[in-house]
N, C-alpha and C. Protein backbone atom coordinates (compact mmCIF):
# COMPACT_ATOMS: atom_id res chain seq x y z
N MET A 1 3.04 4.45 19.30
CA MET A 1 2.28 3.79 18.27
C MET A 1 0.84 3.66 18.71
N SER A 2 -0.03 3.69 17.73
CA SER A 2 -1.46 3.56 17.98
C SER A 2 -2.04 2.52 17.04
N ILE A 3 -3.21 2.01 17.39
CA ILE A 3 -3.91 1.11 16.50
C ILE A 3 -5.31 1.64 16.22
N THR A 4 -5.79 1.35 15.02
CA THR A 4 -7.16 1.66 14.63
C THR A 4 -7.76 0.38 14.07
N GLN A 5 -8.97 0.05 14.51
CA GLN A 5 -9.61 -1.17 14.05
C GLN A 5 -10.97 -0.87 13.46
N ASN A 6 -11.34 -1.65 12.42
CA ASN A 6 -12.61 -1.45 11.75
C ASN A 6 -12.98 -2.73 11.03
N THR A 7 -14.24 -2.85 10.68
CA THR A 7 -14.74 -3.99 9.90
C THR A 7 -15.04 -3.50 8.49
N VAL A 8 -14.58 -4.25 7.50
CA VAL A 8 -14.69 -3.85 6.09
C VAL A 8 -16.07 -4.18 5.56
N GLY A 9 -16.67 -3.22 4.86
CA GLY A 9 -17.97 -3.42 4.23
C GLY A 9 -17.83 -3.70 2.74
N THR A 10 -18.95 -3.80 2.06
CA THR A 10 -18.92 -4.06 0.62
C THR A 10 -18.70 -2.78 -0.19
N SER A 11 -18.86 -1.63 0.42
CA SER A 11 -18.48 -0.37 -0.22
C SER A 11 -17.25 0.16 0.52
N ALA A 12 -16.64 1.20 -0.03
CA ALA A 12 -15.39 1.73 0.55
C ALA A 12 -15.57 2.05 2.03
N THR A 13 -14.78 1.38 2.85
CA THR A 13 -14.80 1.56 4.29
C THR A 13 -13.48 2.19 4.72
N THR A 14 -13.53 3.28 5.45
CA THR A 14 -12.30 3.92 5.92
C THR A 14 -11.73 3.11 7.08
N LEU A 15 -10.50 2.63 6.88
CA LEU A 15 -9.81 1.87 7.91
C LEU A 15 -9.00 2.77 8.82
N TYR A 16 -8.49 3.88 8.24
CA TYR A 16 -7.67 4.81 9.02
C TYR A 16 -7.66 6.16 8.31
N THR A 17 -7.76 7.23 9.08
CA THR A 17 -7.61 8.59 8.57
C THR A 17 -6.48 9.25 9.34
N SER A 18 -5.50 9.77 8.63
CA SER A 18 -4.34 10.40 9.26
C SER A 18 -4.73 11.73 9.89
N SER A 19 -4.25 11.93 11.11
CA SER A 19 -4.42 13.20 11.80
C SER A 19 -3.03 13.81 11.89
N GLY A 20 -2.76 14.80 11.06
CA GLY A 20 -1.39 15.29 10.91
C GLY A 20 -0.66 14.38 9.94
N THR A 21 0.66 14.34 10.05
CA THR A 21 1.46 13.44 9.22
C THR A 21 1.70 12.17 10.01
N SER A 22 1.48 11.03 9.35
CA SER A 22 1.66 9.76 10.05
C SER A 22 2.26 8.72 9.13
N ALA A 23 2.67 7.62 9.73
CA ALA A 23 3.20 6.49 8.97
C ALA A 23 2.55 5.22 9.51
N THR A 24 2.24 4.31 8.61
CA THR A 24 1.75 3.00 9.05
C THR A 24 2.94 2.07 9.18
N SER A 25 2.86 1.17 10.15
CA SER A 25 3.91 0.16 10.25
C SER A 25 3.40 -1.19 9.78
N VAL A 26 2.09 -1.43 9.94
CA VAL A 26 1.52 -2.70 9.48
C VAL A 26 0.01 -2.54 9.35
N VAL A 27 -0.55 -3.27 8.37
CA VAL A 27 -2.00 -3.38 8.19
C VAL A 27 -2.34 -4.87 8.17
N TYR A 28 -3.23 -5.27 9.06
CA TYR A 28 -3.71 -6.66 9.12
C TYR A 28 -5.13 -6.70 8.59
N LEU A 29 -5.42 -7.65 7.71
CA LEU A 29 -6.77 -7.87 7.21
C LEU A 29 -7.11 -9.33 7.48
N MET A 30 -8.02 -9.57 8.42
CA MET A 30 -8.34 -10.92 8.85
C MET A 30 -9.71 -11.33 8.33
N ASN A 31 -9.76 -12.45 7.61
CA ASN A 31 -11.00 -13.00 7.08
C ASN A 31 -11.63 -13.93 8.13
N ASP A 32 -12.72 -13.49 8.72
CA ASP A 32 -13.41 -14.27 9.75
C ASP A 32 -14.60 -15.03 9.16
N HIS A 33 -14.52 -15.37 7.88
CA HIS A 33 -15.61 -16.02 7.17
C HIS A 33 -15.23 -17.47 6.87
N SER A 34 -16.21 -18.29 6.60
CA SER A 34 -15.96 -19.70 6.30
C SER A 34 -15.61 -19.94 4.83
N ALA A 35 -15.57 -18.87 4.04
CA ALA A 35 -15.21 -18.96 2.63
C ALA A 35 -14.20 -17.85 2.29
N ASP A 36 -13.56 -17.97 1.14
CA ASP A 36 -12.63 -16.94 0.68
C ASP A 36 -13.38 -15.63 0.43
N VAL A 37 -12.68 -14.52 0.63
CA VAL A 37 -13.21 -13.20 0.29
C VAL A 37 -12.20 -12.46 -0.58
N THR A 38 -12.69 -11.51 -1.34
CA THR A 38 -11.85 -10.70 -2.22
C THR A 38 -11.94 -9.26 -1.76
N ILE A 39 -10.78 -8.62 -1.59
CA ILE A 39 -10.78 -7.23 -1.13
C ILE A 39 -10.08 -6.32 -2.14
N GLN A 40 -10.40 -5.04 -2.01
CA GLN A 40 -9.76 -3.95 -2.74
C GLN A 40 -9.22 -3.00 -1.67
N LEU A 41 -8.04 -2.43 -1.90
CA LEU A 41 -7.44 -1.52 -0.92
C LEU A 41 -7.02 -0.24 -1.64
N HIS A 42 -7.37 0.90 -1.04
CA HIS A 42 -7.10 2.22 -1.63
C HIS A 42 -6.35 3.12 -0.66
N ILE A 43 -5.50 3.97 -1.19
CA ILE A 43 -4.91 5.07 -0.45
C ILE A 43 -5.52 6.34 -1.04
N VAL A 44 -6.29 7.06 -0.23
CA VAL A 44 -7.11 8.16 -0.72
C VAL A 44 -6.60 9.48 -0.14
N LYS A 45 -6.32 10.44 -1.03
CA LYS A 45 -5.90 11.78 -0.59
C LYS A 45 -7.03 12.45 0.17
N ASN A 46 -6.67 13.39 1.05
CA ASN A 46 -7.62 14.17 1.84
C ASN A 46 -8.79 14.64 0.96
N ALA A 47 -10.00 14.37 1.41
CA ALA A 47 -11.25 14.77 0.75
C ALA A 47 -11.51 14.02 -0.56
N GLY A 48 -10.73 12.98 -0.85
CA GLY A 48 -10.95 12.20 -2.06
C GLY A 48 -11.89 11.03 -1.80
N THR A 49 -12.09 10.24 -2.85
CA THR A 49 -12.91 9.04 -2.75
C THR A 49 -12.16 7.88 -3.38
N ALA A 50 -12.52 6.68 -2.96
CA ALA A 50 -11.91 5.47 -3.52
C ALA A 50 -12.22 5.37 -5.01
N SER A 51 -11.18 5.11 -5.81
CA SER A 51 -11.36 5.00 -7.25
C SER A 51 -10.27 4.10 -7.81
N THR A 52 -10.36 3.81 -9.08
CA THR A 52 -9.36 2.99 -9.73
C THR A 52 -7.97 3.62 -9.65
N SER A 53 -7.91 4.95 -9.71
CA SER A 53 -6.62 5.63 -9.75
C SER A 53 -5.87 5.61 -8.41
N ASN A 54 -6.56 5.31 -7.29
CA ASN A 54 -5.84 5.25 -6.01
C ASN A 54 -5.88 3.85 -5.38
N LYS A 55 -6.23 2.86 -6.18
CA LYS A 55 -6.25 1.47 -5.70
C LYS A 55 -4.83 0.95 -5.66
N ILE A 56 -4.44 0.37 -4.52
CA ILE A 56 -3.09 -0.19 -4.41
C ILE A 56 -3.10 -1.72 -4.35
N VAL A 57 -4.25 -2.30 -4.03
CA VAL A 57 -4.40 -3.75 -4.05
C VAL A 57 -5.71 -4.06 -4.76
N LYS A 58 -5.63 -4.88 -5.80
CA LYS A 58 -6.83 -5.22 -6.59
C LYS A 58 -7.09 -6.72 -6.50
N ASN A 59 -8.32 -7.05 -6.12
CA ASN A 59 -8.80 -8.43 -6.11
C ASN A 59 -7.90 -9.37 -5.31
N LEU A 60 -7.53 -8.94 -4.12
CA LEU A 60 -6.74 -9.79 -3.23
C LEU A 60 -7.67 -10.81 -2.59
N ILE A 61 -7.38 -12.08 -2.78
CA ILE A 61 -8.18 -13.14 -2.17
C ILE A 61 -7.54 -13.52 -0.83
N ILE A 62 -8.34 -13.42 0.22
CA ILE A 62 -7.91 -13.87 1.54
C ILE A 62 -8.71 -15.14 1.84
N THR A 63 -8.01 -16.22 2.01
CA THR A 63 -8.69 -17.49 2.22
C THR A 63 -9.42 -17.50 3.56
N ALA A 64 -10.37 -18.40 3.69
CA ALA A 64 -11.17 -18.52 4.90
C ALA A 64 -10.28 -18.64 6.13
N ALA A 65 -10.59 -17.85 7.14
CA ALA A 65 -9.90 -17.89 8.44
C ALA A 65 -8.41 -17.55 8.34
N ASP A 66 -8.02 -16.78 7.34
CA ASP A 66 -6.62 -16.40 7.19
C ASP A 66 -6.48 -14.89 7.35
N THR A 67 -5.23 -14.45 7.50
CA THR A 67 -4.93 -13.02 7.65
C THR A 67 -3.89 -12.60 6.63
N TYR A 68 -4.15 -11.46 5.97
CA TYR A 68 -3.17 -10.86 5.07
C TYR A 68 -2.46 -9.76 5.86
N VAL A 69 -1.13 -9.77 5.81
CA VAL A 69 -0.34 -8.79 6.55
C VAL A 69 0.44 -7.95 5.55
N MET A 70 0.24 -6.63 5.62
CA MET A 70 0.95 -5.69 4.74
C MET A 70 1.95 -4.94 5.61
N ASP A 71 3.22 -5.42 5.64
CA ASP A 71 4.20 -4.81 6.52
C ASP A 71 5.56 -4.58 5.88
N LEU A 72 5.68 -4.85 4.60
CA LEU A 72 6.98 -4.69 3.95
C LEU A 72 7.29 -3.24 3.59
N GLU A 73 6.27 -2.44 3.41
CA GLU A 73 6.44 -1.05 3.00
C GLU A 73 5.62 -0.16 3.91
N LYS A 74 6.18 0.93 4.37
CA LYS A 74 5.46 1.87 5.22
C LYS A 74 4.73 2.87 4.33
N LEU A 75 3.55 3.29 4.78
CA LEU A 75 2.78 4.30 4.06
C LEU A 75 2.90 5.61 4.82
N LEU A 76 3.34 6.66 4.14
CA LEU A 76 3.41 7.99 4.74
C LEU A 76 2.17 8.76 4.30
N LEU A 77 1.41 9.25 5.25
CA LEU A 77 0.14 9.90 4.97
C LEU A 77 0.13 11.31 5.54
N ASP A 78 -0.42 12.25 4.77
CA ASP A 78 -0.61 13.61 5.25
C ASP A 78 -1.95 13.73 5.96
N ASN A 79 -2.18 14.87 6.59
CA ASN A 79 -3.41 15.11 7.30
C ASN A 79 -4.64 14.85 6.42
N GLY A 80 -5.53 14.01 6.88
CA GLY A 80 -6.77 13.72 6.16
C GLY A 80 -6.68 12.61 5.14
N ASP A 81 -5.47 12.15 4.81
CA ASP A 81 -5.34 11.02 3.89
C ASP A 81 -5.89 9.77 4.56
N MET A 82 -6.42 8.84 3.75
CA MET A 82 -7.11 7.67 4.30
C MET A 82 -6.66 6.37 3.66
N ILE A 83 -6.79 5.31 4.42
CA ILE A 83 -6.69 3.96 3.88
C ILE A 83 -8.12 3.43 3.88
N GLN A 84 -8.59 2.99 2.71
CA GLN A 84 -9.94 2.46 2.58
C GLN A 84 -9.91 1.08 1.96
N ALA A 85 -10.90 0.27 2.28
CA ALA A 85 -10.99 -1.08 1.73
C ALA A 85 -12.44 -1.44 1.49
N SER A 86 -12.65 -2.39 0.59
CA SER A 86 -13.97 -2.98 0.39
C SER A 86 -13.79 -4.47 0.18
N SER A 87 -14.84 -5.22 0.48
CA SER A 87 -14.82 -6.67 0.37
C SER A 87 -16.04 -7.13 -0.40
N ASP A 88 -15.96 -8.30 -1.02
CA ASP A 88 -17.13 -8.83 -1.73
C ASP A 88 -18.14 -9.46 -0.78
N VAL A 89 -17.78 -9.61 0.50
CA VAL A 89 -18.70 -10.11 1.52
C VAL A 89 -18.70 -9.09 2.66
N ASP A 90 -19.88 -8.68 3.09
CA ASP A 90 -20.00 -7.64 4.10
C ASP A 90 -19.66 -8.13 5.50
N ALA A 91 -18.88 -7.32 6.21
CA ALA A 91 -18.66 -7.46 7.66
C ALA A 91 -17.99 -8.77 8.10
N VAL A 92 -17.11 -9.32 7.26
CA VAL A 92 -16.38 -10.52 7.66
C VAL A 92 -14.87 -10.32 7.67
N VAL A 93 -14.40 -9.19 7.11
CA VAL A 93 -12.98 -8.88 7.13
C VAL A 93 -12.76 -7.79 8.17
N HIS A 94 -11.88 -8.08 9.13
CA HIS A 94 -11.61 -7.13 10.21
C HIS A 94 -10.18 -6.61 10.02
N ALA A 95 -10.06 -5.29 10.07
CA ALA A 95 -8.77 -4.64 9.79
C ALA A 95 -8.20 -3.99 11.03
N THR A 96 -6.89 -4.12 11.17
CA THR A 96 -6.14 -3.42 12.21
C THR A 96 -5.01 -2.67 11.53
N VAL A 97 -4.95 -1.36 11.76
CA VAL A 97 -3.88 -0.53 11.20
C VAL A 97 -3.05 -0.02 12.36
N VAL A 98 -1.75 -0.28 12.32
CA VAL A 98 -0.82 0.22 13.33
C VAL A 98 -0.13 1.43 12.73
N HIS A 99 -0.16 2.56 13.42
CA HIS A 99 0.35 3.82 12.86
C HIS A 99 1.01 4.66 13.94
N ILE A 100 1.80 5.63 13.48
CA ILE A 100 2.48 6.55 14.39
C ILE A 100 2.51 7.94 13.75
N GLU A 101 2.27 8.95 14.56
CA GLU A 101 2.39 10.32 14.07
C GLU A 101 3.86 10.69 13.96
N ILE A 102 4.20 11.42 12.90
CA ILE A 102 5.60 11.84 12.73
C ILE A 102 5.67 13.33 12.54
């Protein structure tokens, strides 16, 4: 297993790009801000861009100093597929993606 970490910006930020075929086991999104933040989460096909058609989480509010954990469902990604996110506040949501090549 490997981890990838990144800080979410106000525009689409790539949290993880699959190298080969991979599966995620968990995605953590931690709000390090003193106020609530709202995030969007996308699963983007290789060479694609974040859009309404690939959004999997819309307007998720993460309360101040809290963490959202996405671990109930595994994501299977092909080479070049990406997990991207954006937040309404820049550089306060920190993401950790745990993944494994299959």
